[in-house]
Amino acid sequence: MLAAEMTALAQGMPGFINSKTFAHTDGERVTVVTFKDIASHTAWKEHPAHRQAQEIGRERLYSEYSIQVGISSHSHSFKLDE
């Protein structure tokens, strides 16, 4: 599966932090990939295998897609101690 291959590729990229995929019963999928900085993200965006996967997606898999890239200005988390 192409998505699994791209996840594995992203995980091996310098600066990779994490990725999460969410799927709805209507077939919509959202994948969030986080890198430590813009340079790491740009390397991912321009990786030849990633570019090829995007092309395959446009030609064979998706009728539409959108990409959002953002920079976090604040982060907060909570974890209940067990």
Protein backbone atom coordinates (compact mmCIF):
# COMPACT_ATOMS: atom_id res chain seq x y z
CA MET A 1 0.00 0.00 0.00
CA LEU A 2 1.34 3.38 -1.01
CA ALA A 3 0.32 5.12 2.23
CA ALA A 4 2.29 2.63 4.33
CA GLU A 5 5.34 3.09 2.14
CA MET A 6 5.16 6.87 2.46
CA THR A 7 4.72 6.64 6.23
CA ALA A 8 7.82 4.48 6.47
CA LEU A 9 9.74 6.89 4.24
CA ALA A 10 8.66 9.90 6.33
CA GLN A 11 9.67 8.13 9.54
CA GLY A 12 13.18 7.74 8.16
CA MET A 13 13.56 11.39 7.21
CA PRO A 14 15.79 13.64 9.34
CA GLY A 15 13.65 15.84 11.57
CA PHE A 16 10.62 13.52 11.54
CA ILE A 17 8.66 13.78 14.81
CA ASN A 18 5.48 11.77 14.23
CA SER A 19 2.59 10.99 11.92
CA LYS A 20 -1.05 10.22 12.59
CA THR A 21 -3.75 9.11 10.20
CA PHE A 22 -7.47 9.46 10.74
CA ALA A 23 -10.12 7.85 8.54
CA HIS A 24 -13.85 8.43 8.36
CA THR A 25 -16.40 5.82 7.35
CA ASP A 26 -17.16 7.87 4.21
CA GLY A 27 -13.63 7.18 2.93
CA GLU A 28 -12.07 10.52 3.80
CA ARG A 29 -8.54 10.24 5.22
CA VAL A 30 -6.43 12.80 7.01
CA THR A 31 -2.75 12.31 7.69
CA VAL A 32 -0.81 14.73 9.86
CA VAL A 33 2.98 14.51 9.57
CA THR A 34 5.10 16.61 11.92
CA PHE A 35 8.71 17.61 11.33
CA LYS A 36 10.96 19.59 13.66
CA ASP A 37 11.52 22.49 11.26
CA ILE A 38 10.85 23.90 7.80
CA ALA A 39 14.08 22.48 6.36
CA SER A 40 13.04 18.96 7.39
CA HIS A 41 9.57 19.47 5.94
CA THR A 42 11.00 20.81 2.69
CA ALA A 43 13.28 17.78 2.37
CA TRP A 44 10.21 15.55 2.77
CA LYS A 45 8.16 17.59 0.32
CA GLU A 46 10.89 17.38 -2.31
CA HIS A 47 11.95 13.75 -1.79
CA PRO A 48 11.77 12.00 -5.20
CA ALA A 49 9.80 8.99 -3.88
CA HIS A 50 7.30 11.31 -2.19
CA ARG A 51 6.91 13.33 -5.41
CA GLN A 52 6.31 10.10 -7.33
CA ALA A 53 3.70 8.98 -4.79
CA GLN A 54 1.91 12.31 -5.16
CA GLU A 55 1.82 11.85 -8.91
CA ILE A 56 0.41 8.32 -8.54
CA GLY A 57 -2.19 9.66 -6.13
CA ARG A 58 -3.33 12.32 -8.61
CA GLU A 59 -3.42 9.87 -11.52
CA ARG A 60 -4.96 6.81 -9.87
CA LEU A 61 -6.21 7.30 -6.32
CA TYR A 62 -7.70 10.68 -5.54
CA SER A 63 -10.44 12.74 -7.08
CA GLU A 64 -9.33 15.63 -4.87
CA TYR A 65 -7.00 16.44 -2.00
CA SER A 66 -5.73 19.42 -0.05
CA ILE A 67 -2.53 20.12 1.84
CA GLN A 68 -2.07 22.51 4.73
CA VAL A 69 1.33 23.41 6.13
CA GLY A 70 1.60 25.33 9.36
CA ILE A 71 4.00 26.41 12.04
CA SER A 72 2.97 25.90 15.64
CA SER A 73 3.33 29.02 17.76
CA HIS A 74 2.28 27.29 20.98
CA SER A 75 1.93 23.76 22.23
CA HIS A 76 0.46 22.40 25.45
CA SER A 77 -0.23 18.88 26.63
CA PHE A 78 -1.62 17.08 29.64
CA LYS A 79 -1.07 13.51 30.78
CA LEU A 80 -2.81 12.00 33.78
CA ASP A 81 -0.34 10.15 35.98
CA GLU A 82 -1.51 6.62 36.51
